[in-house]
C-alpha atoms as a PDB file:
ATOM      1  CA  MET A   1     -29.527 -29.293  78.189  1.00  0.00           C
ATOM      2  CA  LYS A   2     -31.971 -26.395  76.776  1.00  0.00           C
ATOM      3  CA  PRO A   3     -35.439 -27.599  76.347  1.00  0.00           C
ATOM      4  CA  GLU A   4     -36.583 -28.310  72.313  1.00  0.00           C
ATOM      5  CA  ILE A   5     -40.017 -28.123  70.607  1.00  0.00           C
ATOM      6  CA  ILE A   6     -39.991 -30.066  67.954  1.00  0.00           C
ATOM      7  CA  PRO A   7     -42.776 -30.911  65.235  1.00  0.00           C
ATOM      8  CA  SER A   8     -43.238 -33.941  64.054  1.00  0.00           C
ATOM      9  CA  ILE A   9     -43.903 -34.816  60.070  1.00  0.00           C
ATOM     10  CA  ILE A  10     -46.102 -37.303  59.101  1.00  0.00           C
ATOM     11  CA  ALA A  11     -46.683 -37.467  54.652  1.00  0.00           C
ATOM     12  CA  ARG A  12     -47.463 -39.884  52.582  1.00  0.00           C
ATOM     13  CA  GLY A  13     -46.212 -37.689  49.408  1.00  0.00           C
ATOM     14  CA  GLN A  14     -43.971 -35.226  48.129  1.00  0.00           C
ATOM     15  CA  ARG A  15     -46.948 -32.503  48.543  1.00  0.00           C
ATOM     16  CA  GLU A  16     -47.768 -33.363  51.733  1.00  0.00           C
ATOM     17  CA  LEU A  17     -44.441 -32.914  52.769  1.00  0.00           C
ATOM     18  CA  ASP A  18     -43.584 -29.889  51.435  1.00  0.00           C
ATOM     19  CA  SER A  19     -46.968 -28.238  52.965  1.00  0.00           C
ATOM     20  CA  ARG A  20     -46.148 -29.913  56.626  1.00  0.00           C
ATOM     21  CA  ILE A  21     -42.581 -28.723  56.536  1.00  0.00           C
ATOM     22  CA  SER A  22     -43.718 -25.367  54.964  1.00  0.00           C
ATOM     23  CA  LYS A  23     -46.137 -24.684  57.740  1.00  0.00           C
ATOM     24  CA  VAL A  24     -43.553 -24.998  60.700  1.00  0.00           C
ATOM     25  CA  SER A  25     -40.276 -24.668  59.566  1.00  0.00           C
ATOM     26  CA  ARG A  26     -39.791 -20.939  59.954  1.00  0.00           C
ATOM     27  CA  HIS A  27     -40.393 -21.511  64.286  1.00  0.00           C
ATOM     28  CA  PHE A  28     -38.280 -24.200  65.255  1.00  0.00           C
ATOM     29  CA  GLU A  29     -34.565 -25.170  65.196  1.00  0.00           C
ATOM     30  CA  TRP A  30     -35.197 -29.134  64.642  1.00  0.00           C
ATOM     31  CA  LEU A  31     -38.288 -30.798  62.837  1.00  0.00           C
ATOM     32  CA  GLN A  32     -39.166 -34.761  63.236  1.00  0.00           C
ATOM     33  CA  LEU A  33     -39.713 -37.437  60.304  1.00  0.00           C
ATOM     34  CA  ASP A  34     -42.050 -40.025  61.345  1.00  0.00           C
ATOM     35  CA  VAL A  35     -41.254 -42.628  59.330  1.00  0.00           C
ATOM     36  CA  MET A  36     -43.719 -45.523  59.374  1.00  0.00           C
ATOM     37  CA  ASP A  37     -43.905 -49.024  57.438  1.00  0.00           C
ATOM     38  CA  GLY A  38     -47.613 -49.858  57.561  1.00  0.00           C
ATOM     39  CA  LYS A  39     -46.297 -53.217  60.119  1.00  0.00           C
ATOM     40  CA  PHE A  40     -44.668 -52.069  62.907  1.00  0.00           C
ATOM     41  CA  VAL A  41     -47.518 -49.658  63.271  1.00  0.00           C
ATOM     42  CA  LYS A  42     -50.829 -49.405  60.340  1.00  0.00           C
ATOM     43  CA  ASN A  43     -50.144 -46.385  59.186  1.00  0.00           C
ATOM     44  CA  LYS A  44     -47.240 -45.403  56.164  1.00  0.00           C
ATOM     45  CA  SER A  45     -45.401 -42.561  55.874  1.00  0.00           C
ATOM     46  CA  LEU A  46     -42.228 -41.501  53.919  1.00  0.00           C
ATOM     47  CA  MET A  47     -42.464 -44.586  51.887  1.00  0.00           C
ATOM     48  CA  PHE A  48     -41.588 -43.054  49.032  1.00  0.00           C
ATOM     49  CA  ASP A  49     -38.545 -40.901  47.315  1.00  0.00           C
ATOM     50  CA  PHE A  50     -38.681 -37.633  49.014  1.00  0.00           C
ATOM     51  CA  LYS A  51     -36.796 -34.498  49.091  1.00  0.00           C
ATOM     52  CA  LEU A  52     -36.313 -32.397  51.823  1.00  0.00           C
ATOM     53  CA  PRO A  53     -37.614 -28.614  51.036  1.00  0.00           C
ATOM     54  CA  LYS A  54     -34.355 -25.855  52.034  1.00  0.00           C
ATOM     55  CA  THR A  55     -34.812 -24.964  55.004  1.00  0.00           C
ATOM     56  CA  LYS A  56     -32.696 -24.039  59.018  1.00  0.00           C
ATOM     57  CA  CYS A  57     -33.965 -27.039  60.559  1.00  0.00           C
ATOM     58  CA  LYS A  58     -32.322 -30.167  61.320  1.00  0.00           C
ATOM     59  CA  TYR A  59     -33.582 -33.184  61.460  1.00  0.00           C
ATOM     60  CA  GLU A  60     -34.538 -36.332  63.163  1.00  0.00           C
ATOM     61  CA  ALA A  61     -35.962 -39.424  61.707  1.00  0.00           C
ATOM     62  CA  HIS A  62     -38.275 -41.277  64.145  1.00  0.00           C
ATOM     63  CA  LEU A  63     -38.153 -44.647  62.494  1.00  0.00           C
ATOM     64  CA  MET A  64     -41.134 -46.951  63.214  1.00  0.00           C
ATOM     65  CA  MET A  65     -40.178 -49.716  61.014  1.00  0.00           C
ATOM     66  CA  LYS A  66     -39.796 -53.561  61.536  1.00  0.00           C
ATOM     67  CA  ASN A  67     -36.443 -53.448  59.120  1.00  0.00           C
ATOM     68  CA  PRO A  68     -35.377 -49.846  59.149  1.00  0.00           C
ATOM     69  CA  LEU A  69     -31.835 -50.661  57.552  1.00  0.00           C
ATOM     70  CA  PRO A  70     -32.742 -50.516  53.923  1.00  0.00           C
ATOM     71  CA  TRP A  71     -34.659 -46.730  54.614  1.00  0.00           C
ATOM     72  CA  ILE A  72     -31.180 -45.965  56.761  1.00  0.00           C
ATOM     73  CA  GLU A  73     -28.855 -46.572  53.884  1.00  0.00           C
ATOM     74  CA  LYS A  74     -31.106 -44.812  51.629  1.00  0.00           C
ATOM     75  CA  ASN A  75     -31.698 -42.092  53.536  1.00  0.00           C
ATOM     76  CA  TRP A  76     -28.987 -41.229  56.485  1.00  0.00           C
ATOM     77  CA  GLY A  77     -27.239 -38.275  54.636  1.00  0.00           C
ATOM     78  CA  LYS A  78     -30.791 -36.307  54.600  1.00  0.00           C
ATOM     79  CA  VAL A  79     -30.995 -36.241  58.653  1.00  0.00           C
ATOM     80  CA  ASP A  80     -29.030 -35.499  61.741  1.00  0.00           C
ATOM     81  CA  THR A  81     -30.666 -38.073  64.353  1.00  0.00           C
ATOM     82  CA  MET A  82     -31.967 -41.463  63.227  1.00  0.00           C
ATOM     83  CA  ILE A  83     -34.163 -42.725  65.984  1.00  0.00           C
ATOM     84  CA  ILE A  84     -35.092 -46.835  65.791  1.00  0.00           C
ATOM     85  CA  HIS A  85     -37.183 -48.702  68.304  1.00  0.00           C
ATOM     86  CA  ARG A  86     -35.628 -51.180  70.981  1.00  0.00           C
ATOM     87  CA  GLU A  87     -38.726 -53.339  70.415  1.00  0.00           C
ATOM     88  CA  VAL A  88     -37.785 -54.207  66.730  1.00  0.00           C
ATOM     89  CA  PHE A  89     -34.968 -56.466  67.776  1.00  0.00           C
ATOM     90  CA  GLU A  90     -35.016 -59.623  69.665  1.00  0.00           C
ATOM     91  CA  LYS A  91     -31.573 -60.290  69.935  1.00  0.00           C
ATOM     92  CA  LYS A  92     -28.856 -57.291  71.651  1.00  0.00           C
ATOM     93  CA  SER A  93     -26.237 -57.894  69.360  1.00  0.00           C
ATOM     94  CA  GLU A  94     -28.380 -57.453  66.292  1.00  0.00           C
ATOM     95  CA  LEU A  95     -29.368 -53.971  68.416  1.00  0.00           C
ATOM     96  CA  HIS A  96     -25.704 -53.219  68.932  1.00  0.00           C
ATOM     97  CA  GLU A  97     -24.729 -54.239  65.599  1.00  0.00           C
ATOM     98  CA  MET A  98     -27.341 -51.089  64.074  1.00  0.00           C
ATOM     99  CA  ILE A  99     -26.297 -48.288  66.467  1.00  0.00           C
ATOM    100  CA  LYS A 100     -22.203 -49.124  65.012  1.00  0.00           C
ATOM    101  CA  ILE A 101     -23.919 -48.900  61.681  1.00  0.00           C
ATOM    102  CA  ILE A 102     -25.814 -45.997  62.072  1.00  0.00           C
ATOM    103  CA  LEU A 103     -22.668 -44.115  64.260  1.00  0.00           C
ATOM    104  CA  SER A 104     -21.200 -45.016  61.341  1.00  0.00           C
ATOM    105  CA  LYS A 105     -22.628 -42.570  59.014  1.00  0.00           C
ATOM    106  CA  ASP A 106     -21.641 -40.117  61.259  1.00  0.00           C
ATOM    107  CA  VAL A 107     -25.389 -39.599  62.628  1.00  0.00           C
ATOM    108  CA  LYS A 108     -26.385 -39.213  65.822  1.00  0.00           C
ATOM    109  CA  VAL A 109     -28.602 -42.249  67.171  1.00  0.00           C
ATOM    110  CA  GLY A 110     -31.111 -42.510  69.704  1.00  0.00           C
ATOM    111  CA  LEU A 111     -33.049 -45.888  71.183  1.00  0.00           C
ATOM    112  CA  ALA A 112     -37.369 -45.162  71.254  1.00  0.00           C
ATOM    113  CA  ILE A 113     -39.646 -47.169  73.656  1.00  0.00           C
ATOM    114  CA  ASN A 114     -43.396 -48.022  73.227  1.00  0.00           C
ATOM    115  CA  PRO A 115     -45.424 -47.564  76.284  1.00  0.00           C
ATOM    116  CA  GLU A 116     -45.370 -50.973  77.295  1.00  0.00           C
ATOM    117  CA  THR A 117     -41.729 -51.674  77.341  1.00  0.00           C
ATOM    118  CA  LYS A 118     -39.866 -51.482  80.492  1.00  0.00           C
ATOM    119  CA  VAL A 119     -37.173 -48.985  80.498  1.00  0.00           C
ATOM    120  CA  ASN A 120     -34.561 -52.131  81.999  1.00  0.00           C
ATOM    121  CA  GLU A 121     -35.244 -53.132  78.168  1.00  0.00           C
ATOM    122  CA  LEU A 122     -32.633 -49.906  77.331  1.00  0.00           C
ATOM    123  CA  GLU A 123     -29.953 -50.295  79.707  1.00  0.00           C
ATOM    124  CA  PRO A 124     -27.108 -52.150  77.288  1.00  0.00           C
ATOM    125  CA  PHE A 125     -27.204 -49.476  75.549  1.00  0.00           C
ATOM    126  CA  LEU A 126     -27.384 -46.603  77.021  1.00  0.00           C
ATOM    127  CA  ASP A 127     -23.768 -45.819  76.916  1.00  0.00           C
ATOM    128  CA  GLU A 128     -23.911 -46.215  73.085  1.00  0.00           C
ATOM    129  CA  ILE A 129     -26.666 -43.958  72.351  1.00  0.00           C
ATOM    130  CA  ASP A 130     -27.774 -39.750  72.100  1.00  0.00           C
ATOM    131  CA  LEU A 131     -30.823 -39.893  72.600  1.00  0.00           C
ATOM    132  CA  VAL A 132     -33.437 -41.891  74.576  1.00  0.00           C
ATOM    133  CA  LEU A 133     -37.463 -41.186  72.937  1.00  0.00           C
ATOM    134  CA  PHE A 134     -40.096 -42.052  75.144  1.00  0.00           C
ATOM    135  CA  MET A 135     -43.980 -42.756  73.728  1.00  0.00           C
ATOM    136  CA  THR A 136     -46.451 -41.048  75.671  1.00  0.00           C
ATOM    137  CA  VAL A 137     -49.140 -42.441  73.400  1.00  0.00           C
ATOM    138  CA  ASN A 138     -49.170 -45.747  71.446  1.00  0.00           C
ATOM    139  CA  PRO A 139     -47.809 -45.059  68.510  1.00  0.00           C
ATOM    140  CA  GLY A 140     -49.180 -44.333  64.825  1.00  0.00           C
ATOM    141  CA  HIS A 141     -51.378 -41.640  64.119  1.00  0.00           C
ATOM    142  CA  TYR A 142     -51.628 -38.216  65.329  1.00  0.00           C
ATOM    143  CA  GLY A 143     -54.174 -37.463  67.868  1.00  0.00           C
ATOM    144  CA  ALA A 144     -53.818 -40.159  70.134  1.00  0.00           C
ATOM    145  CA  ALA A 145     -54.364 -39.987  74.077  1.00  0.00           C
ATOM    146  CA  PHE A 146     -51.452 -38.997  76.154  1.00  0.00           C
ATOM    147  CA  LEU A 147     -50.839 -41.695  78.754  1.00  0.00           C
ATOM    148  CA  PRO A 148     -49.274 -40.363  82.022  1.00  0.00           C
ATOM    149  CA  LYS A 149     -48.032 -43.116  83.595  1.00  0.00           C
ATOM    150  CA  VAL A 150     -44.817 -43.280  80.792  1.00  0.00           C
ATOM    151  CA  LEU A 151     -43.436 -40.342  83.342  1.00  0.00           C
ATOM    152  CA  ASP A 152     -42.408 -43.222  85.492  1.00  0.00           C
ATOM    153  CA  LYS A 153     -40.378 -44.060  83.148  1.00  0.00           C
ATOM    154  CA  VAL A 154     -39.109 -41.133  82.084  1.00  0.00           C
ATOM    155  CA  LYS A 155     -37.592 -40.694  86.294  1.00  0.00           C
ATOM    156  CA  GLN A 156     -36.662 -44.070  86.016  1.00  0.00           C
ATOM    157  CA  LEU A 157     -34.252 -43.457  83.267  1.00  0.00           C
ATOM    158  CA  LYS A 158     -33.101 -40.009  84.734  1.00  0.00           C
ATOM    159  CA  LEU A 159     -32.610 -40.972  88.329  1.00  0.00           C
ATOM    160  CA  LYS A 160     -32.218 -44.718  88.659  1.00  0.00           C
ATOM    161  CA  HIS A 161     -30.291 -45.210  84.960  1.00  0.00           C
ATOM    162  CA  ASN A 162     -28.176 -41.543  85.634  1.00  0.00           C
ATOM    163  CA  PHE A 163     -28.861 -41.233  81.675  1.00  0.00           C
ATOM    164  CA  LYS A 164     -26.872 -38.300  80.626  1.00  0.00           C
ATOM    165  CA  GLY A 165     -28.140 -38.044  77.151  1.00  0.00           C
ATOM    166  CA  GLU A 166     -31.445 -36.373  75.434  1.00  0.00           C
ATOM    167  CA  ILE A 167     -34.672 -37.312  76.299  1.00  0.00           C
ATOM    168  CA  GLU A 168     -37.679 -37.068  74.363  1.00  0.00           C
ATOM    169  CA  VAL A 169     -41.448 -37.496  74.366  1.00  0.00           C
ATOM    170  CA  ASP A 170     -43.667 -37.942  71.522  1.00  0.00           C
ATOM    171  CA  GLY A 171     -47.460 -38.412  71.518  1.00  0.00           C
ATOM    172  CA  GLY A 172     -50.260 -36.017  73.414  1.00  0.00           C
ATOM    173  CA  ILE A 173     -47.955 -33.204  73.836  1.00  0.00           C
ATOM    174  CA  ASN A 174     -49.542 -29.887  74.008  1.00  0.00           C
ATOM    175  CA  ASN A 175     -50.209 -27.123  76.756  1.00  0.00           C
ATOM    176  CA  LYS A 176     -51.993 -29.603  79.178  1.00  0.00           C
ATOM    177  CA  THR A 177     -49.103 -32.354  79.140  1.00  0.00           C
ATOM    178  CA  ILE A 178     -45.380 -30.933  78.593  1.00  0.00           C
ATOM    179  CA  HIS A 179     -45.336 -29.291  81.747  1.00  0.00           C
ATOM    180  CA  ALA A 180     -45.733 -32.358  83.599  1.00  0.00           C
ATOM    181  CA  THR A 181     -43.134 -34.399  80.775  1.00  0.00           C
ATOM    182  CA  LEU A 182     -40.525 -31.338  82.105  1.00  0.00           C
ATOM    183  CA  ARG A 183     -40.960 -32.044  85.728  1.00  0.00           C
ATOM    184  CA  ALA A 184     -40.428 -35.555  84.653  1.00  0.00           C
ATOM    185  CA  GLY A 185     -36.653 -35.229  83.089  1.00  0.00           C
ATOM    186  CA  ALA A 186     -37.701 -34.930  79.392  1.00  0.00           C
ATOM    187  CA  ASN A 187     -35.739 -32.200  77.360  1.00  0.00           C
ATOM    188  CA  ARG A 188     -37.311 -32.684  73.942  1.00  0.00           C
ATOM    189  CA  PHE A 189     -40.990 -32.304  73.183  1.00  0.00           C
ATOM    190  CA  VAL A 190     -41.900 -33.320  70.009  1.00  0.00           C
ATOM    191  CA  VAL A 191     -45.367 -32.068  68.897  1.00  0.00           C
ATOM    192  CA  GLY A 192     -47.560 -33.462  66.153  1.00  0.00           C
ATOM    193  CA  SER A 193     -51.329 -32.608  65.760  1.00  0.00           C
ATOM    194  CA  TYR A 194     -51.242 -29.832  68.478  1.00  0.00           C
ATOM    195  CA  LEU A 195     -49.036 -27.703  65.939  1.00  0.00           C
ATOM    196  CA  GLN A 196     -50.821 -28.917  62.389  1.00  0.00           C
ATOM    197  CA  LYS A 197     -54.107 -27.873  63.525  1.00  0.00           C
ATOM    198  CA  ALA A 198     -52.444 -24.306  64.666  1.00  0.00           C
ATOM    199  CA  LYS A 199     -53.948 -21.456  62.744  1.00  0.00           C
ATOM    200  CA  ASN A 200     -50.911 -19.488  64.083  1.00  0.00           C
ATOM    201  CA  VAL A 201     -47.840 -21.353  64.429  1.00  0.00           C
ATOM    202  CA  GLY A 202     -45.793 -18.684  65.551  1.00  0.00           C
ATOM    203  CA  GLU A 203     -48.337 -18.083  68.395  1.00  0.00           C
ATOM    204  CA  PHE A 204     -49.049 -21.511  69.638  1.00  0.00           C
ATOM    205  CA  ARG A 205     -44.941 -22.268  69.786  1.00  0.00           C
ATOM    206  CA  GLU A 206     -44.732 -19.231  71.917  1.00  0.00           C
ATOM    207  CA  THR A 207     -47.445 -20.920  74.132  1.00  0.00           C
ATOM    208  CA  LEU A 208     -45.342 -24.229  74.560  1.00  0.00           C
ATOM    209  CA  LYS A 209     -42.120 -22.329  75.266  1.00  0.00           C
ATOM    210  CA  GLY A 210     -43.854 -20.653  78.402  1.00  0.00           C
ATOM    211  CA  PHE A 211     -43.937 -24.163  79.738  1.00  0.00           C
ATOM    212  CA  VAL A 212     -40.993 -25.005  79.234  1.00  0.00           C
ATOM    213  CA  ASP A 213     -38.462 -21.932  79.303  1.00  0.00           C
END
């Protein structure tokens, strides 16, 4: 699987959404929409009736929400992949059902886990999903510190559980951390504040690509 650098988009209104997508869309194939309900994490993002500007990009939605189903039912047609959090579902049967609902929309499905969640929590679902996302920061806002301990979990998923799908890392990814996540087994790298703060996004993209190509 080829390495993919994916800008994350946090937005509280349409103007902010348009601005942030416009800044990065020319340089990348994928963008991640960070959807936050203010409950699963403190911040809110993309909890309004948004429209995505026309770009060449594909979109994945990272749903940091306690109840993702209403958002999924309303917005599934806007994205190519939906990523839900393992921590939201107390019962395995509920998560199996949610995965089925997403797949029924002809949308790919990913499972995300926070830094403190054990990889074993993913095991009953690995044959059903396309992607695993590891949070490499405590989730909820741009600029949090990278947590290198998560890399052991990436290795565990790859080696012990022999997961064949996409492995994504999200949080604190920059020119100092991206190569370590690649070595651990990740092939998709979500970048937030590092790119949004960049004056020259194309130049920053090439810098990051140099570490994974």
